[in-house]
Amino acid sequence: MSDYTIIVGKLISNLSLLGYYQRAKTLEQTVVSYTSVSIINIFFPLISKIQKDLELVKETIEKSYIIISYLIFFIIGILFINSREIILVLFGENWLFVDNYFSILILSAFTPLVSLLITVISS
């Protein structure tokens, strides 16, 4: 359990609101996890095929970084815009309050995904 979880738990004393937050956080982490795995599964085989040509590797990494950053931004934008509908389809009307938390959390997902991309590129 991380420090921010304890802080959020202290700030949100209402248990039902805390449940909404936790559901939104779980959904956001699922998006980050699947996106990260997809990036790694595509990027590593691509680089390993061309690893002998360092100039091509460098060029591919630069192009990939730009394309993947735009793609991540696009996906997060779609999730942010359609968060209400996503929550409605996945969880039903009783969980619509999760939409507020999910909208905020999904915007913060851009940072770990780009950070992962930089880590993958630098290794």
PDB file of N, CA and C in Angstrom:
ATOM      1  N   MET A   1       0.859  -1.176   0.000  1.00  0.00           N
ATOM      2  CA  MET A   1       0.000   0.000   0.000  1.00  0.00           C
ATOM      3  C   MET A   1       0.903   1.237   0.000  1.00  0.00           C
ATOM      4  N   SER A   2       0.603   2.192  -0.848  1.00  0.00           N
ATOM      5  CA  SER A   2       1.438   3.375  -0.947  1.00  0.00           C
ATOM      6  C   SER A   2       0.951   4.480  -0.019  1.00  0.00           C
ATOM      7  N   ASP A   3       1.788   5.488   0.139  1.00  0.00           N
ATOM      8  CA  ASP A   3       1.482   6.589   1.051  1.00  0.00           C
ATOM      9  C   ASP A   3       0.231   7.355   0.638  1.00  0.00           C
ATOM     10  N   TYR A   4       0.053   7.551  -0.665  1.00  0.00           N
ATOM     11  CA  TYR A   4      -1.111   8.328  -1.101  1.00  0.00           C
ATOM     12  C   TYR A   4      -2.417   7.610  -0.774  1.00  0.00           C
ATOM     13  N   THR A   5      -2.393   6.290  -0.723  1.00  0.00           N
ATOM     14  CA  THR A   5      -3.603   5.549  -0.388  1.00  0.00           C
ATOM     15  C   THR A   5      -4.033   5.845   1.044  1.00  0.00           C
ATOM     16  N   ILE A   6      -3.082   5.925   1.928  1.00  0.00           N
ATOM     17  CA  ILE A   6      -3.375   6.255   3.328  1.00  0.00           C
ATOM     18  C   ILE A   6      -3.915   7.678   3.430  1.00  0.00           C
ATOM     19  N   ILE A   7      -3.310   8.594   2.689  1.00  0.00           N
ATOM     20  CA  ILE A   7      -3.749   9.991   2.711  1.00  0.00           C
ATOM     21  C   ILE A   7      -5.168  10.113   2.160  1.00  0.00           C
ATOM     22  N   VAL A   8      -5.433   9.452   1.045  1.00  0.00           N
ATOM     23  CA  VAL A   8      -6.773   9.500   0.454  1.00  0.00           C
ATOM     24  C   VAL A   8      -7.778   8.897   1.424  1.00  0.00           C
ATOM     25  N   GLY A   9      -7.410   7.803   2.078  1.00  0.00           N
ATOM     26  CA  GLY A   9      -8.292   7.169   3.057  1.00  0.00           C
ATOM     27  C   GLY A   9      -8.624   8.094   4.211  1.00  0.00           C
ATOM     28  N   LYS A  10      -7.657   8.887   4.636  1.00  0.00           N
ATOM     29  CA  LYS A  10      -7.891   9.843   5.723  1.00  0.00           C
ATOM     30  C   LYS A  10      -8.744  11.021   5.256  1.00  0.00           C
ATOM     31  N   LEU A  11      -8.525  11.462   3.999  1.00  0.00           N
ATOM     32  CA  LEU A  11      -9.269  12.610   3.487  1.00  0.00           C
ATOM     33  C   LEU A  11     -10.718  12.262   3.162  1.00  0.00           C
ATOM     34  N   ILE A  12     -10.939  11.061   2.668  1.00  0.00           N
ATOM     35  CA  ILE A  12     -12.297  10.633   2.320  1.00  0.00           C
ATOM     36  C   ILE A  12     -12.793   9.738   3.449  1.00  0.00           C
ATOM     37  N   SER A  13     -13.447  10.346   4.397  1.00  0.00           N
ATOM     38  CA  SER A  13     -13.894   9.587   5.566  1.00  0.00           C
ATOM     39  C   SER A  13     -15.181   8.802   5.301  1.00  0.00           C
ATOM     40  N   ASN A  14     -15.946   9.215   4.298  1.00  0.00           N
ATOM     41  CA  ASN A  14     -17.169   8.508   3.949  1.00  0.00           C
ATOM     42  C   ASN A  14     -16.807   7.217   3.212  1.00  0.00           C
ATOM     43  N   LEU A  15     -17.205   6.075   3.735  1.00  0.00           N
ATOM     44  CA  LEU A  15     -16.799   4.794   3.168  1.00  0.00           C
ATOM     45  C   LEU A  15     -17.350   4.561   1.769  1.00  0.00           C
ATOM     46  N   SER A  16     -18.546   5.038   1.477  1.00  0.00           N
ATOM     47  CA  SER A  16     -19.074   4.823   0.124  1.00  0.00           C
ATOM     48  C   SER A  16     -18.284   5.653  -0.891  1.00  0.00           C
ATOM     49  N   LEU A  17     -17.893   6.874  -0.524  1.00  0.00           N
ATOM     50  CA  LEU A  17     -17.058   7.681  -1.421  1.00  0.00           C
ATOM     51  C   LEU A  17     -15.691   7.043  -1.606  1.00  0.00           C
ATOM     52  N   LEU A  18     -15.163   6.470  -0.547  1.00  0.00           N
ATOM     53  CA  LEU A  18     -13.882   5.784  -0.629  1.00  0.00           C
ATOM     54  C   LEU A  18     -13.987   4.562  -1.552  1.00  0.00           C
ATOM     55  N   GLY A  19     -15.121   3.886  -1.510  1.00  0.00           N
ATOM     56  CA  GLY A  19     -15.362   2.763  -2.411  1.00  0.00           C
ATOM     57  C   GLY A  19     -15.417   3.208  -3.861  1.00  0.00           C
ATOM     58  N   TYR A  20     -16.057   4.342  -4.125  1.00  0.00           N
ATOM     59  CA  TYR A  20     -16.101   4.890  -5.483  1.00  0.00           C
ATOM     60  C   TYR A  20     -14.689   5.221  -5.967  1.00  0.00           C
ATOM     61  N   TYR A  21     -13.928   5.855  -5.089  1.00  0.00           N
ATOM     62  CA  TYR A  21     -12.542   6.200  -5.437  1.00  0.00           C
ATOM     63  C   TYR A  21     -11.751   4.935  -5.745  1.00  0.00           C
ATOM     64  N   GLN A  22     -11.876   3.925  -4.902  1.00  0.00           N
ATOM     65  CA  GLN A  22     -11.112   2.691  -5.089  1.00  0.00           C
ATOM     66  C   GLN A  22     -11.487   1.998  -6.399  1.00  0.00           C
ATOM     67  N   ARG A  23     -12.763   1.994  -6.748  1.00  0.00           N
ATOM     68  CA  ARG A  23     -13.211   1.394  -8.012  1.00  0.00           C
ATOM     69  C   ARG A  23     -12.616   2.158  -9.193  1.00  0.00           C
ATOM     70  N   ALA A  24     -12.614   3.494  -9.113  1.00  0.00           N
ATOM     71  CA  ALA A  24     -12.038   4.316 -10.184  1.00  0.00           C
ATOM     72  C   ALA A  24     -10.536   4.086 -10.291  1.00  0.00           C
ATOM     73  N   LYS A  25      -9.868   3.978  -9.161  1.00  0.00           N
ATOM     74  CA  LYS A  25      -8.421   3.744  -9.140  1.00  0.00           C
ATOM     75  C   LYS A  25      -8.095   2.390  -9.758  1.00  0.00           C
ATOM     76  N   THR A  26      -8.883   1.378  -9.446  1.00  0.00           N
ATOM     77  CA  THR A  26      -8.673   0.048 -10.016  1.00  0.00           C
ATOM     78  C   THR A  26      -8.839   0.076 -11.530  1.00  0.00           C
ATOM     79  N   LEU A  27      -9.857   0.763 -12.012  1.00  0.00           N
ATOM     80  CA  LEU A  27     -10.082   0.874 -13.447  1.00  0.00           C
ATOM     81  C   LEU A  27      -8.930   1.622 -14.122  1.00  0.00           C
ATOM     82  N   GLU A  28      -8.475   2.692 -13.512  1.00  0.00           N
ATOM     83  CA  GLU A  28      -7.350   3.466 -14.060  1.00  0.00           C
ATOM     84  C   GLU A  28      -6.091   2.610 -14.101  1.00  0.00           C
ATOM     85  N   GLN A  29      -5.819   1.842 -13.051  1.00  0.00           N
ATOM     86  CA  GLN A  29      -4.642   0.981 -13.021  1.00  0.00           C
ATOM     87  C   GLN A  29      -4.726  -0.123 -14.068  1.00  0.00           C
ATOM     88  N   THR A  30      -5.927  -0.593 -14.342  1.00  0.00           N
ATOM     89  CA  THR A  30      -6.121  -1.598 -15.380  1.00  0.00           C
ATOM     90  C   THR A  30      -5.754  -1.025 -16.749  1.00  0.00           C
ATOM     91  N   VAL A  31      -6.189   0.205 -17.008  1.00  0.00           N
ATOM     92  CA  VAL A  31      -5.863   0.866 -18.277  1.00  0.00           C
ATOM     93  C   VAL A  31      -4.353   1.028 -18.405  1.00  0.00           C
ATOM     94  N   VAL A  32      -3.705   1.513 -17.359  1.00  0.00           N
ATOM     95  CA  VAL A  32      -2.255   1.710 -17.387  1.00  0.00           C
ATOM     96  C   VAL A  32      -1.533   0.377 -17.581  1.00  0.00           C
ATOM     97  N   SER A  33      -1.977  -0.647 -16.884  1.00  0.00           N
ATOM     98  CA  SER A  33      -1.335  -1.957 -16.968  1.00  0.00           C
ATOM     99  C   SER A  33      -1.432  -2.546 -18.377  1.00  0.00           C
ATOM    100  N   TYR A  34      -2.628  -2.568 -18.943  1.00  0.00           N
ATOM    101  CA  TYR A  34      -2.800  -3.131 -20.279  1.00  0.00           C
ATOM    102  C   TYR A  34      -2.058  -2.320 -21.337  1.00  0.00           C
ATOM    103  N   THR A  35      -2.063  -1.018 -21.199  1.00  0.00           N
ATOM    104  CA  THR A  35      -1.354  -0.174 -22.155  1.00  0.00           C
ATOM    105  C   THR A  35       0.150  -0.396 -22.061  1.00  0.00           C
ATOM    106  N   SER A  36       0.663  -0.491 -20.840  1.00  0.00           N
ATOM    107  CA  SER A  36       2.094  -0.726 -20.635  1.00  0.00           C
ATOM    108  C   SER A  36       2.530  -2.056 -21.229  1.00  0.00           C
ATOM    109  N   VAL A  37       1.780  -3.099 -20.959  1.00  0.00           N
ATOM    110  CA  VAL A  37       2.108  -4.426 -21.489  1.00  0.00           C
ATOM    111  C   VAL A  37       2.071  -4.416 -23.010  1.00  0.00           C
ATOM    112  N   SER A  38       1.100  -3.731 -23.578  1.00  0.00           N
ATOM    113  CA  SER A  38       0.993  -3.656 -25.041  1.00  0.00           C
ATOM    114  C   SER A  38       2.197  -2.941 -25.644  1.00  0.00           C
ATOM    115  N   ILE A  39       2.609  -1.848 -25.027  1.00  0.00           N
ATOM    116  CA  ILE A  39       3.775  -1.108 -25.518  1.00  0.00           C
ATOM    117  C   ILE A  39       5.013  -1.987 -25.481  1.00  0.00           C
ATOM    118  N   ILE A  40       5.232  -2.667 -24.380  1.00  0.00           N
ATOM    119  CA  ILE A  40       6.416  -3.513 -24.232  1.00  0.00           C
ATOM    120  C   ILE A  40       6.381  -4.677 -25.229  1.00  0.00           C
ATOM    121  N   ASN A  41       5.211  -5.306 -25.384  1.00  0.00           N
ATOM    122  CA  ASN A  41       5.103  -6.446 -26.296  1.00  0.00           C
ATOM    123  C   ASN A  41       5.321  -6.072 -27.761  1.00  0.00           C
ATOM    124  N   ILE A  42       5.061  -4.844 -28.112  1.00  0.00           N
ATOM    125  CA  ILE A  42       5.279  -4.391 -29.484  1.00  0.00           C
ATOM    126  C   ILE A  42       6.687  -3.846 -29.665  1.00  0.00           C
ATOM    127  N   PHE A  43       7.164  -3.101 -28.682  1.00  0.00           N
ATOM    128  CA  PHE A  43       8.410  -2.356 -28.827  1.00  0.00           C
ATOM    129  C   PHE A  43       9.650  -3.250 -28.779  1.00  0.00           C
ATOM    130  N   PHE A  44       9.729  -4.163 -27.834  1.00  0.00           N
ATOM    131  CA  PHE A  44      10.928  -4.992 -27.690  1.00  0.00           C
ATOM    132  C   PHE A  44      11.208  -5.881 -28.903  1.00  0.00           C
ATOM    133  N   PRO A  45      10.216  -6.582 -29.439  1.00  0.00           N
ATOM    134  CA  PRO A  45      10.516  -7.386 -30.642  1.00  0.00           C
ATOM    135  C   PRO A  45      10.962  -6.527 -31.825  1.00  0.00           C
ATOM    136  N   LEU A  46      10.371  -5.344 -31.936  1.00  0.00           N
ATOM    137  CA  LEU A  46      10.746  -4.440 -33.020  1.00  0.00           C
ATOM    138  C   LEU A  46      12.211  -4.037 -32.908  1.00  0.00           C
ATOM    139  N   ILE A  47      12.622  -3.641 -31.740  1.00  0.00           N
ATOM    140  CA  ILE A  47      14.009  -3.205 -31.524  1.00  0.00           C
ATOM    141  C   ILE A  47      14.978  -4.374 -31.632  1.00  0.00           C
ATOM    142  N   SER A  48      14.568  -5.540 -31.138  1.00  0.00           N
ATOM    143  CA  SER A  48      15.483  -6.689 -31.181  1.00  0.00           C
ATOM    144  C   SER A  48      15.778  -7.129 -32.618  1.00  0.00           C
ATOM    145  N   LYS A  49      14.841  -6.915 -33.528  1.00  0.00           N
ATOM    146  CA  LYS A  49      15.064  -7.287 -34.925  1.00  0.00           C
ATOM    147  C   LYS A  49      16.112  -6.403 -35.601  1.00  0.00           C
ATOM    148  N   ILE A  50      16.221  -5.172 -35.160  1.00  0.00           N
ATOM    149  CA  ILE A  50      17.133  -4.225 -35.818  1.00  0.00           C
ATOM    150  C   ILE A  50      18.304  -3.821 -34.922  1.00  0.00           C
ATOM    151  N   GLN A  51      18.569  -4.576 -33.885  1.00  0.00           N
ATOM    152  CA  GLN A  51      19.551  -4.176 -32.884  1.00  0.00           C
ATOM    153  C   GLN A  51      20.978  -4.011 -33.410  1.00  0.00           C
ATOM    154  N   LYS A  52      21.296  -4.617 -34.530  1.00  0.00           N
ATOM    155  CA  LYS A  52      22.658  -4.524 -35.060  1.00  0.00           C
ATOM    156  C   LYS A  52      22.935  -3.188 -35.750  1.00  0.00           C
ATOM    157  N   ASP A  53      21.887  -2.544 -36.237  1.00  0.00           N
ATOM    158  CA  ASP A  53      22.044  -1.250 -36.903  1.00  0.00           C
ATOM    159  C   ASP A  53      21.683  -0.142 -35.909  1.00  0.00           C
ATOM    160  N   LEU A  54      22.683   0.403 -35.231  1.00  0.00           N
ATOM    161  CA  LEU A  54      22.446   1.370 -34.154  1.00  0.00           C
ATOM    162  C   LEU A  54      21.777   2.660 -34.647  1.00  0.00           C
ATOM    163  N   GLU A  55      22.099   3.068 -35.837  1.00  0.00           N
ATOM    164  CA  GLU A  55      21.467   4.283 -36.375  1.00  0.00           C
ATOM    165  C   GLU A  55      19.973   4.058 -36.613  1.00  0.00           C
ATOM    166  N   LEU A  56      19.630   2.892 -37.121  1.00  0.00           N
ATOM    167  CA  LEU A  56      18.226   2.549 -37.337  1.00  0.00           C
ATOM    168  C   LEU A  56      17.492   2.392 -36.007  1.00  0.00           C
ATOM    169  N   VAL A  57      18.173   1.836 -35.012  1.00  0.00           N
ATOM    170  CA  VAL A  57      17.578   1.701 -33.674  1.00  0.00           C
ATOM    171  C   VAL A  57      17.253   3.078 -33.116  1.00  0.00           C
ATOM    172  N   LYS A  58      18.204   3.991 -33.212  1.00  0.00           N
ATOM    173  CA  LYS A  58      18.005   5.348 -32.706  1.00  0.00           C
ATOM    174  C   LYS A  58      16.835   6.034 -33.421  1.00  0.00           C
ATOM    175  N   GLU A  59      16.795   5.902 -34.725  1.00  0.00           N
ATOM    176  CA  GLU A  59      15.725   6.515 -35.515  1.00  0.00           C
ATOM    177  C   GLU A  59      14.360   5.899 -35.171  1.00  0.00           C
ATOM    178  N   THR A  60      14.334   4.587 -35.014  1.00  0.00           N
ATOM    179  CA  THR A  60      13.092   3.890 -34.672  1.00  0.00           C
ATOM    180  C   THR A  60      12.603   4.292 -33.290  1.00  0.00           C
ATOM    181  N   ILE A  61      13.521   4.420 -32.351  1.00  0.00           N
ATOM    182  CA  ILE A  61      13.156   4.817 -30.990  1.00  0.00           C
ATOM    183  C   ILE A  61      12.563   6.220 -30.990  1.00  0.00           C
ATOM    184  N   GLU A  62      13.177   7.137 -31.705  1.00  0.00           N
ATOM    185  CA  GLU A  62      12.671   8.509 -31.755  1.00  0.00           C
ATOM    186  C   GLU A  62      11.278   8.567 -32.370  1.00  0.00           C
ATOM    187  N   LYS A  63      11.082   7.868 -33.472  1.00  0.00           N
ATOM    188  CA  LYS A  63       9.766   7.848 -34.119  1.00  0.00           C
ATOM    189  C   LYS A  63       8.727   7.162 -33.233  1.00  0.00           C
ATOM    190  N   SER A  64       9.129   6.064 -32.617  1.00  0.00           N
ATOM    191  CA  SER A  64       8.211   5.321 -31.752  1.00  0.00           C
ATOM    192  C   SER A  64       7.780   6.157 -30.560  1.00  0.00           C
ATOM    193  N   TYR A  65       8.711   6.888 -29.984  1.00  0.00           N
ATOM    194  CA  TYR A  65       8.393   7.732 -28.829  1.00  0.00           C
ATOM    195  C   TYR A  65       7.316   8.748 -29.179  1.00  0.00           C
ATOM    196  N   ILE A  66       7.461   9.372 -30.311  1.00  0.00           N
ATOM    197  CA  ILE A  66       6.481  10.376 -30.731  1.00  0.00           C
ATOM    198  C   ILE A  66       5.124   9.728 -31.008  1.00  0.00           C
ATOM    199  N   ILE A  67       5.134   8.642 -31.762  1.00  0.00           N
ATOM    200  CA  ILE A  67       3.882   7.973 -32.117  1.00  0.00           C
ATOM    201  C   ILE A  67       3.175   7.440 -30.876  1.00  0.00           C
ATOM    202  N   ILE A  68       3.911   6.781 -30.006  1.00  0.00           N
ATOM    203  CA  ILE A  68       3.307   6.199 -28.806  1.00  0.00           C
ATOM    204  C   ILE A  68       2.799   7.289 -27.864  1.00  0.00           C
ATOM    205  N   SER A  69       3.518   8.393 -27.748  1.00  0.00           N
ATOM    206  CA  SER A  69       3.054   9.496 -26.900  1.00  0.00           C
ATOM    207  C   SER A  69       1.720  10.050 -27.405  1.00  0.00           C
ATOM    208  N   TYR A  70       1.621  10.249 -28.707  1.00  0.00           N
ATOM    209  CA  TYR A  70       0.348  10.713 -29.275  1.00  0.00           C
ATOM    210  C   TYR A  70      -0.757   9.683 -29.071  1.00  0.00           C
ATOM    211  N   LEU A  71      -0.424   8.425 -29.253  1.00  0.00           N
ATOM    212  CA  LEU A  71      -1.404   7.358 -29.083  1.00  0.00           C
ATOM    213  C   LEU A  71      -1.909   7.297 -27.640  1.00  0.00           C
ATOM    214  N   ILE A  72      -0.995   7.397 -26.691  1.00  0.00           N
ATOM    215  CA  ILE A  72      -1.383   7.391 -25.273  1.00  0.00           C
ATOM    216  C   ILE A  72      -2.260   8.594 -24.963  1.00  0.00           C
ATOM    217  N   PHE A  73      -1.866   9.757 -25.458  1.00  0.00           N
ATOM    218  CA  PHE A  73      -2.655  10.970 -25.246  1.00  0.00           C
ATOM    219  C   PHE A  73      -4.056  10.814 -25.827  1.00  0.00           C
ATOM    220  N   PHE A  74      -4.151  10.217 -27.013  1.00  0.00           N
ATOM    221  CA  PHE A  74      -5.436   9.992 -27.674  1.00  0.00           C
ATOM    222  C   PHE A  74      -6.307   9.031 -26.864  1.00  0.00           C
ATOM    223  N   ILE A  75      -5.731   7.918 -26.421  1.00  0.00           N
ATOM    224  CA  ILE A  75      -6.482   6.927 -25.645  1.00  0.00           C
ATOM    225  C   ILE A  75      -6.992   7.537 -24.345  1.00  0.00           C
ATOM    226  N   ILE A  76      -6.137   8.260 -23.658  1.00  0.00           N
ATOM    227  CA  ILE A  76      -6.547   8.888 -22.399  1.00  0.00           C
ATOM    228  C   ILE A  76      -7.623   9.928 -22.654  1.00  0.00           C
ATOM    229  N   GLY A  77      -7.512  10.674 -23.742  1.00  0.00           N
ATOM    230  CA  GLY A  77      -8.541  11.649 -24.095  1.00  0.00           C
ATOM    231  C   GLY A  77      -9.890  10.994 -24.347  1.00  0.00           C
ATOM    232  N   ILE A  78      -9.876   9.895 -25.085  1.00  0.00           N
ATOM    233  CA  ILE A  78     -11.119   9.158 -25.358  1.00  0.00           C
ATOM    234  C   ILE A  78     -11.723   8.640 -24.053  1.00  0.00           C
ATOM    235  N   LEU A  79     -10.894   8.084 -23.180  1.00  0.00           N
ATOM    236  CA  LEU A  79     -11.387   7.577 -21.901  1.00  0.00           C
ATOM    237  C   LEU A  79     -11.935   8.701 -21.030  1.00  0.00           C
ATOM    238  N   PHE A  80     -11.274   9.854 -21.051  1.00  0.00           N
ATOM    239  CA  PHE A  80     -11.731  11.000 -20.266  1.00  0.00           C
ATOM    240  C   PHE A  80     -13.087  11.499 -20.779  1.00  0.00           C
ATOM    241  N   ILE A  81     -13.183  11.656 -22.081  1.00  0.00           N
ATOM    242  CA  ILE A  81     -14.423  12.175 -22.675  1.00  0.00           C
ATOM    243  C   ILE A  81     -15.590  11.210 -22.480  1.00  0.00           C
ATOM    244  N   ASN A  82     -15.314   9.932 -22.593  1.00  0.00           N
ATOM    245  CA  ASN A  82     -16.372   8.926 -22.522  1.00  0.00           C
ATOM    246  C   ASN A  82     -16.430   8.210 -21.172  1.00  0.00           C
ATOM    247  N   SER A  83     -15.858   8.803 -20.148  1.00  0.00           N
ATOM    248  CA  SER A  83     -15.781   8.110 -18.852  1.00  0.00           C
ATOM    249  C   SER A  83     -17.154   7.760 -18.288  1.00  0.00           C
ATOM    250  N   ARG A  84     -18.107   8.630 -18.440  1.00  0.00           N
ATOM    251  CA  ARG A  84     -19.454   8.354 -17.918  1.00  0.00           C
ATOM    252  C   ARG A  84     -20.061   7.118 -18.589  1.00  0.00           C
ATOM    253  N   GLU A  85     -19.949   7.050 -19.911  1.00  0.00           N
ATOM    254  CA  GLU A  85     -20.496   5.914 -20.644  1.00  0.00           C
ATOM    255  C   GLU A  85     -19.749   4.619 -20.305  1.00  0.00           C
ATOM    256  N   ILE A  86     -18.441   4.729 -20.133  1.00  0.00           N
ATOM    257  CA  ILE A  86     -17.638   3.553 -19.784  1.00  0.00           C
ATOM    258  C   ILE A  86     -18.063   2.997 -18.433  1.00  0.00           C
ATOM    259  N   ILE A  87     -18.219   3.881 -17.459  1.00  0.00           N
ATOM    260  CA  ILE A  87     -18.646   3.454 -16.119  1.00  0.00           C
ATOM    261  C   ILE A  87     -20.039   2.852 -16.178  1.00  0.00           C
ATOM    262  N   LEU A  88     -20.926   3.470 -16.940  1.00  0.00           N
ATOM    263  CA  LEU A  88     -22.299   2.970 -17.068  1.00  0.00           C
ATOM    264  C   LEU A  88     -22.324   1.558 -17.663  1.00  0.00           C
ATOM    265  N   VAL A  89     -21.543   1.339 -18.708  1.00  0.00           N
ATOM    266  CA  VAL A  89     -21.515   0.026 -19.361  1.00  0.00           C
ATOM    267  C   VAL A  89     -20.848  -1.025 -18.464  1.00  0.00           C
ATOM    268  N   LEU A  90     -19.727  -0.662 -17.838  1.00  0.00           N
ATOM    269  CA  LEU A  90     -18.983  -1.643 -17.048  1.00  0.00           C
ATOM    270  C   LEU A  90     -19.628  -1.961 -15.701  1.00  0.00           C
ATOM    271  N   PHE A  91     -20.159  -0.932 -15.028  1.00  0.00           N
ATOM    272  CA  PHE A  91     -20.597  -1.118 -13.645  1.00  0.00           C
ATOM    273  C   PHE A  91     -22.078  -0.848 -13.405  1.00  0.00           C
ATOM    274  N   GLY A  92     -22.741  -0.149 -14.313  1.00  0.00           N
ATOM    275  CA  GLY A  92     -24.153   0.147 -14.142  1.00  0.00           C
ATOM    276  C   GLY A  92     -24.396   1.506 -13.499  1.00  0.00           C
ATOM    277  N   GLU A  93     -25.681   1.863 -13.384  1.00  0.00           N
ATOM    278  CA  GLU A  93     -26.067   3.190 -12.883  1.00  0.00           C
ATOM    279  C   GLU A  93     -25.673   3.431 -11.432  1.00  0.00           C
ATOM    280  N   ASN A  94     -25.634   2.391 -10.625  1.00  0.00           N
ATOM    281  CA  ASN A  94     -25.302   2.569  -9.208  1.00  0.00           C
ATOM    282  C   ASN A  94     -23.887   3.086  -8.990  1.00  0.00           C
ATOM    283  N   TRP A  95     -23.025   2.918  -9.988  1.00  0.00           N
ATOM    284  CA  TRP A  95     -21.633   3.310  -9.848  1.00  0.00           C
ATOM    285  C   TRP A  95     -21.284   4.573 -10.628  1.00  0.00           C
ATOM    286  N   LEU A  96     -22.258   5.323 -11.091  1.00  0.00           N
ATOM    287  CA  LEU A  96     -21.976   6.501 -11.913  1.00  0.00           C
ATOM    288  C   LEU A  96     -21.127   7.550 -11.192  1.00  0.00           C
ATOM    289  N   PHE A  97     -21.156   7.552  -9.882  1.00  0.00           N
ATOM    290  CA  PHE A  97     -20.343   8.521  -9.144  1.00  0.00           C
ATOM    291  C   PHE A  97     -18.846   8.272  -9.343  1.00  0.00           C
ATOM    292  N   VAL A  98     -18.488   7.053  -9.734  1.00  0.00           N
ATOM    293  CA  VAL A  98     -17.092   6.707 -10.022  1.00  0.00           C
ATOM    294  C   VAL A  98     -16.552   7.569 -11.162  1.00  0.00           C
ATOM    295  N   ASP A  99     -17.432   8.020 -12.026  1.00  0.00           N
ATOM    296  CA  ASP A  99     -17.050   8.837 -13.177  1.00  0.00           C
ATOM    297  C   ASP A  99     -16.196  10.038 -12.776  1.00  0.00           C
ATOM    298  N   ASN A 100     -16.563  10.729 -11.720  1.00  0.00           N
ATOM    299  CA  ASN A 100     -15.803  11.907 -11.286  1.00  0.00           C
ATOM    300  C   ASN A 100     -14.370  11.548 -10.917  1.00  0.00           C
ATOM    301  N   TYR A 101     -14.203  10.489 -10.155  1.00  0.00           N
ATOM    302  CA  TYR A 101     -12.857  10.059  -9.757  1.00  0.00           C
ATOM    303  C   TYR A 101     -12.073   9.532 -10.955  1.00  0.00           C
ATOM    304  N   PHE A 102     -12.731   8.732 -11.775  1.00  0.00           N
ATOM    305  CA  PHE A 102     -12.049   8.139 -12.924  1.00  0.00           C
ATOM    306  C   PHE A 102     -11.555   9.212 -13.891  1.00  0.00           C
ATOM    307  N   SER A 103     -12.340  10.245 -14.102  1.00  0.00           N
ATOM    308  CA  SER A 103     -11.926  11.334 -15.002  1.00  0.00           C
ATOM    309  C   SER A 103     -10.631  11.985 -14.533  1.00  0.00           C
ATOM    310  N   ILE A 104     -10.529  12.206 -13.252  1.00  0.00           N
ATOM    311  CA  ILE A 104      -9.314  12.818 -12.698  1.00  0.00           C
ATOM    312  C   ILE A 104      -8.143  11.840 -12.760  1.00  0.00           C
ATOM    313  N   LEU A 105      -8.386  10.606 -12.363  1.00  0.00           N
ATOM    314  CA  LEU A 105      -7.315   9.615 -12.319  1.00  0.00           C
ATOM    315  C   LEU A 105      -6.795   9.262 -13.708  1.00  0.00           C
ATOM    316  N   ILE A 106      -7.667   9.211 -14.690  1.00  0.00           N
ATOM    317  CA  ILE A 106      -7.218   8.836 -16.035  1.00  0.00           C
ATOM    318  C   ILE A 106      -6.314   9.919 -16.627  1.00  0.00           C
ATOM    319  N   LEU A 107      -6.548  11.164 -16.269  1.00  0.00           N
ATOM    320  CA  LEU A 107      -5.648  12.228 -16.725  1.00  0.00           C
ATOM    321  C   LEU A 107      -4.256  12.070 -16.124  1.00  0.00           C
ATOM    322  N   SER A 108      -4.202  11.587 -14.895  1.00  0.00           N
ATOM    323  CA  SER A 108      -2.902  11.383 -14.252  1.00  0.00           C
ATOM    324  C   SER A 108      -2.187  10.147 -14.781  1.00  0.00           C
ATOM    325  N   ALA A 109      -2.858   9.318 -15.571  1.00  0.00           N
ATOM    326  CA  ALA A 109      -2.254   8.095 -16.105  1.00  0.00           C
ATOM    327  C   ALA A 109      -1.242   8.383 -17.207  1.00  0.00           C
ATOM    328  N   PHE A 110      -1.278   9.555 -17.788  1.00  0.00           N
ATOM    329  CA  PHE A 110      -0.344   9.891 -18.866  1.00  0.00           C
ATOM    330  C   PHE A 110       1.094   9.837 -18.381  1.00  0.00           C
ATOM    331  N   THR A 111       1.340  10.316 -17.178  1.00  0.00           N
ATOM    332  CA  THR A 111       2.700  10.388 -16.644  1.00  0.00           C
ATOM    333  C   THR A 111       3.350   9.012 -16.492  1.00  0.00           C
ATOM    334  N   PRO A 112       2.699   8.025 -15.834  1.00  0.00           N
ATOM    335  CA  PRO A 112       3.383   6.732 -15.720  1.00  0.00           C
ATOM    336  C   PRO A 112       3.575   6.025 -17.059  1.00  0.00           C
ATOM    337  N   LEU A 113       2.668   6.233 -17.998  1.00  0.00           N
ATOM    338  CA  LEU A 113       2.815   5.583 -19.291  1.00  0.00           C
ATOM    339  C   LEU A 113       3.985   6.158 -20.077  1.00  0.00           C
ATOM    340  N   VAL A 114       4.118   7.467 -20.073  1.00  0.00           N
ATOM    341  CA  VAL A 114       5.255   8.089 -20.769  1.00  0.00           C
ATOM    342  C   VAL A 114       6.547   7.756 -20.035  1.00  0.00           C
ATOM    343  N   SER A 115       6.494   7.704 -18.713  1.00  0.00           N
ATOM    344  CA  SER A 115       7.656   7.318 -17.928  1.00  0.00           C
ATOM    345  C   SER A 115       8.100   5.891 -18.275  1.00  0.00           C
ATOM    346  N   LEU A 116       7.140   4.993 -18.428  1.00  0.00           N
ATOM    347  CA  LEU A 116       7.448   3.623 -18.829  1.00  0.00           C
ATOM    348  C   LEU A 116       8.110   3.624 -20.214  1.00  0.00           C
ATOM    349  N   LEU A 117       7.578   4.411 -21.108  1.00  0.00           N
ATOM    350  CA  LEU A 117       8.132   4.490 -22.453  1.00  0.00           C
ATOM    351  C   LEU A 117       9.586   4.963 -22.421  1.00  0.00           C
ATOM    352  N   ILE A 118       9.862   5.967 -21.614  1.00  0.00           N
ATOM    353  CA  ILE A 118      11.234   6.467 -21.497  1.00  0.00           C
ATOM    354  C   ILE A 118      12.139   5.386 -20.907  1.00  0.00           C
ATOM    355  N   THR A 119      11.652   4.644 -19.926  1.00  0.00           N
ATOM    356  CA  THR A 119      12.429   3.565 -19.323  1.00  0.00           C
ATOM    357  C   THR A 119      12.733   2.478 -20.345  1.00  0.00           C
ATOM    358  N   VAL A 120      11.726   2.111 -21.131  1.00  0.00           N
ATOM    359  CA  VAL A 120      11.910   1.094 -22.157  1.00  0.00           C
ATOM    360  C   VAL A 120      12.926   1.562 -23.185  1.00  0.00           C
ATOM    361  N   ILE A 121      12.836   2.802 -23.584  1.00  0.00           N
ATOM    362  CA  ILE A 121      13.733   3.336 -24.611  1.00  0.00           C
ATOM    363  C   ILE A 121      15.176   3.425 -24.094  1.00  0.00           C
ATOM    364  N   SER A 122      15.336   3.811 -22.847  1.00  0.00           N
ATOM    365  CA  SER A 122      16.683   3.994 -22.324  1.00  0.00           C
ATOM    366  C   SER A 122      17.367   2.681 -21.957  1.00  0.00           C
ATOM    367  N   SER A 123      16.634   1.566 -21.920  1.00  0.00           N
ATOM    368  CA  SER A 123      17.275   0.294 -21.561  1.00  0.00           C
ATOM    369  C   SER A 123      17.773  -0.465 -22.764  1.00  0.00           C
TER     370      SER A 123
END
